[in-house]
């Protein structure tokens, strides 16, 4: 539904850019953001432990719950009813994605392109985990060569990496030269 709206509304854009726009608004982060916007977490029936540890605001739970609501609308009212709900909820996200350009919300992809162009090498992510199993927090550093370009946190490794990449993209956009060097954590993995 979102792809149809983006592709139909912007036929002038190349296919690759259209695909990046769609990917920028059809993902767990956007689903969770929209679920928060409509306070979906407040009405979820969660177990006591999950509710106590903030399950009503966890990205994965909110994203899955919003997908379930959209599926229920589809089963109850059909395709057009579901399309109406989706487009109403995603209209601002689509407009923001078009305004920011392809990959605008996908900081990792944008950073990958920037790092290869500026440093001739891709970024690597150093991720550390803290907290108990039921409430993990991930902290990611994004490193290019020996430079830490950004750091971010999240409730998943992917969310932390996106946050770190967002900081790095913002820093690279503000700074004409290299960003301040800090010491990276010992283990790295390419992404």
Protein backbone atom coordinates (compact mmCIF):
# COMPACT_ATOMS: atom_id res chain seq x y z
CA UNK A 1 0.00 0.00 0.00
CA UNK A 2 2.78 2.41 0.93
CA UNK A 3 4.87 1.29 -2.05
CA UNK A 4 1.92 1.91 -4.38
CA UNK A 5 1.42 5.37 -2.89
CA UNK A 6 5.10 6.29 -3.21
CA UNK A 7 5.58 4.80 -6.68
CA UNK A 8 2.32 6.28 -8.00
CA UNK A 9 2.97 9.68 -6.47
CA UNK A 10 6.53 10.05 -7.72
CA UNK A 11 6.87 8.46 -11.16
CA UNK A 12 9.73 10.84 -11.97
CA UNK A 13 12.09 9.16 -9.50
CA UNK A 14 14.36 6.28 -10.54
CA UNK A 15 13.41 2.80 -9.34
CA UNK A 16 16.33 2.56 -6.89
CA UNK A 17 15.36 5.83 -5.20
CA UNK A 18 11.72 4.74 -4.97
CA UNK A 19 12.80 1.48 -3.31
CA UNK A 20 14.91 3.41 -0.77
CA UNK A 21 11.97 5.73 -0.01
CA UNK A 22 9.71 2.74 0.60
CA UNK A 23 12.28 1.03 2.80
CA UNK A 24 12.65 4.25 4.77
CA UNK A 25 8.99 4.24 5.81
CA UNK A 26 8.11 0.54 5.88
CA UNK A 27 10.19 -0.79 8.75
CA UNK A 28 9.96 -1.63 12.43
CA UNK A 29 11.18 1.80 13.53
CA UNK A 30 8.42 3.59 11.63
CA UNK A 31 5.80 1.07 12.73
CA UNK A 32 6.77 1.63 16.37
CA UNK A 33 6.81 5.42 15.94
CA UNK A 34 3.29 5.35 14.48
CA UNK A 35 2.13 2.96 17.21
CA UNK A 36 3.44 5.43 19.81
CA UNK A 37 1.72 8.29 18.00
CA UNK A 38 -1.66 6.57 18.35
CA UNK A 39 -0.86 5.33 21.90
CA UNK A 40 -1.23 1.69 20.88
CA UNK A 41 1.08 0.53 23.69
CA UNK A 42 -1.39 1.86 26.27
CA UNK A 43 -4.08 -0.59 25.19
CA UNK A 44 -2.00 -3.73 24.65
CA UNK A 45 -2.71 -6.64 26.94
CA UNK A 46 0.71 -7.65 28.21
CA UNK A 47 1.81 -9.95 30.96
CA UNK A 48 2.75 -8.37 34.26
CA UNK A 49 6.48 -8.88 33.70
CA UNK A 50 6.40 -7.42 30.20
CA UNK A 51 4.31 -4.46 31.31
CA UNK A 52 6.62 -3.84 34.30
CA UNK A 53 9.72 -3.79 32.10
CA UNK A 54 8.23 -1.32 29.63
CA UNK A 55 6.93 -3.77 27.06
CA UNK A 56 4.25 -1.33 26.00
CA UNK A 57 6.98 0.87 24.55
CA UNK A 58 9.31 -1.77 23.04
CA UNK A 59 9.87 -1.28 19.35
CA UNK A 60 9.36 -4.92 18.39
CA UNK A 61 6.13 -5.26 20.36
CA UNK A 62 4.69 -2.00 19.04
CA UNK A 63 5.65 -2.81 15.44
CA UNK A 64 4.10 -6.27 15.64
CA UNK A 65 0.96 -4.92 17.33
CA UNK A 66 0.43 -2.24 14.65
CA UNK A 67 0.85 -4.84 11.91
CA UNK A 68 -1.75 -6.98 13.70
CA UNK A 69 -4.18 -4.06 13.87
CA UNK A 70 -3.74 -3.39 10.15
CA UNK A 71 -4.30 -7.10 9.47
CA UNK A 72 -7.46 -7.05 11.58
CA UNK A 73 -8.77 -4.03 9.65
CA UNK A 74 -8.07 -5.88 6.42
CA UNK A 75 -9.86 -9.03 7.58
CA UNK A 76 -12.82 -7.07 8.90
CA UNK A 77 -13.22 -4.35 6.26
CA UNK A 78 -11.23 -5.48 3.24
CA UNK A 79 -8.39 -4.03 1.25
CA UNK A 80 -9.75 -0.51 0.79
CA UNK A 81 -10.46 -0.10 4.52
CA UNK A 82 -6.93 -1.25 5.37
CA UNK A 83 -5.49 1.00 2.66
CA UNK A 84 -7.34 3.98 4.11
CA UNK A 85 -5.97 3.30 7.61
CA UNK A 86 -2.42 2.73 6.36
CA UNK A 87 -2.32 5.83 4.18
CA UNK A 88 -3.84 7.96 6.93
CA UNK A 89 -1.21 6.75 9.41
CA UNK A 90 1.72 6.88 6.96
CA UNK A 91 0.91 10.13 5.10
CA UNK A 92 3.30 12.27 7.20
CA UNK A 93 6.02 9.57 7.10
CA UNK A 94 5.80 9.40 3.31
CA UNK A 95 5.95 13.21 3.00
CA UNK A 96 8.99 13.33 5.32
CA UNK A 97 10.74 10.57 3.38
CA UNK A 98 10.17 12.35 0.07
CA UNK A 99 11.39 15.64 1.58
CA UNK A 100 14.53 14.03 3.06
CA UNK A 101 15.23 12.01 -0.04
CA UNK A 102 16.00 8.32 -0.53
CA UNK A 103 17.61 6.73 2.48
CA UNK A 104 16.75 9.73 4.66
CA UNK A 105 15.68 7.58 7.61
CA UNK A 106 18.05 4.72 6.87
CA UNK A 107 21.12 6.24 8.46
CA UNK A 108 23.20 3.07 8.05
CA UNK A 109 22.77 3.07 4.27
CA UNK A 110 23.40 6.80 4.04
CA UNK A 111 26.53 6.49 6.23
CA UNK A 112 27.76 3.53 4.17
CA UNK A 113 27.60 5.67 1.03
CA UNK A 114 29.20 8.69 2.74
CA UNK A 115 32.01 6.66 4.33
CA UNK A 116 32.96 4.90 1.12
CA UNK A 117 32.96 8.23 -0.76
CA UNK A 118 34.89 10.16 1.93
CA UNK A 119 37.18 7.51 3.43
CA UNK A 120 37.21 4.80 0.74
CA UNK A 121 36.07 2.21 3.32
CA UNK A 122 32.79 1.11 4.87
CA UNK A 123 31.85 1.77 8.49
CA UNK A 124 32.07 -0.92 11.15
CA UNK A 125 29.92 -1.19 14.25
CA UNK A 126 31.08 -2.03 17.76
CA UNK A 127 28.12 -3.13 19.86
CA UNK A 128 28.01 -3.68 23.61
CA UNK A 129 25.09 -5.06 25.57
CA UNK A 130 24.01 -4.25 29.11
CA UNK A 131 21.08 -4.95 31.39
CA UNK A 132 19.16 -8.11 32.24
CA UNK A 133 17.84 -10.44 29.51
CA UNK A 134 14.31 -9.02 29.71
CA UNK A 135 15.47 -5.39 29.42
CA UNK A 136 18.61 -5.40 27.27
CA UNK A 137 20.12 -2.11 26.19
CA UNK A 138 22.52 -1.97 23.28
CA UNK A 139 25.17 0.68 22.75
CA UNK A 140 26.79 0.94 19.33
CA UNK A 141 29.78 2.89 18.12
CA UNK A 142 30.27 3.38 14.40
CA UNK A 143 33.90 3.34 13.37
CA UNK A 144 35.62 4.19 10.10
CA UNK A 145 39.30 3.33 10.19
CA UNK A 146 40.39 4.40 13.66
CA UNK A 147 37.75 7.12 14.04
CA UNK A 148 34.59 6.74 16.10
CA UNK A 149 32.09 8.81 14.15
CA UNK A 150 29.06 8.29 16.35
CA UNK A 151 27.50 6.42 19.24
CA UNK A 152 23.88 5.44 19.86
CA UNK A 153 21.72 3.28 22.08
CA UNK A 154 18.61 1.22 21.55
CA UNK A 155 16.58 -1.73 22.68
CA UNK A 156 18.01 -3.84 19.84
CA UNK A 157 21.37 -4.06 18.10
CA UNK A 158 19.83 -2.76 14.88
CA UNK A 159 18.22 0.22 16.64
CA UNK A 160 21.52 1.12 18.36
CA UNK A 161 23.44 0.86 15.09
CA UNK A 162 20.89 3.10 13.31
CA UNK A 163 21.15 5.64 16.14
CA UNK A 164 24.96 5.62 15.97
CA UNK A 165 24.88 5.97 12.19
CA UNK A 166 22.44 8.90 12.53
CA UNK A 167 24.87 10.70 14.84
CA UNK A 168 27.72 10.01 12.41
CA UNK A 169 25.75 11.25 9.38
CA UNK A 170 24.82 14.44 11.23
CA UNK A 171 28.45 14.97 12.28
CA UNK A 172 29.75 14.39 8.76
CA UNK A 173 27.17 16.78 7.34
CA UNK A 174 28.24 19.50 9.81
CA UNK A 175 31.98 18.98 9.56
CA UNK A 176 33.92 19.55 6.35
CA UNK A 177 36.86 17.45 7.60
CA UNK A 178 37.25 14.37 9.79
CA UNK A 179 35.35 14.11 13.04
CA UNK A 180 37.16 14.01 16.40
CA UNK A 181 38.91 10.71 16.99
CA UNK A 182 38.07 8.61 20.03
CA UNK A 183 39.12 5.10 20.96
CA UNK A 184 36.86 2.35 19.57
CA UNK A 185 35.86 -0.70 21.57
CA UNK A 186 38.04 -3.76 20.87
CA UNK A 187 35.70 -5.97 18.82
CA UNK A 188 34.42 -4.83 15.43
CA UNK A 189 32.10 -6.30 12.88
CA UNK A 190 31.51 -5.02 9.39
CA UNK A 191 27.97 -4.11 8.51
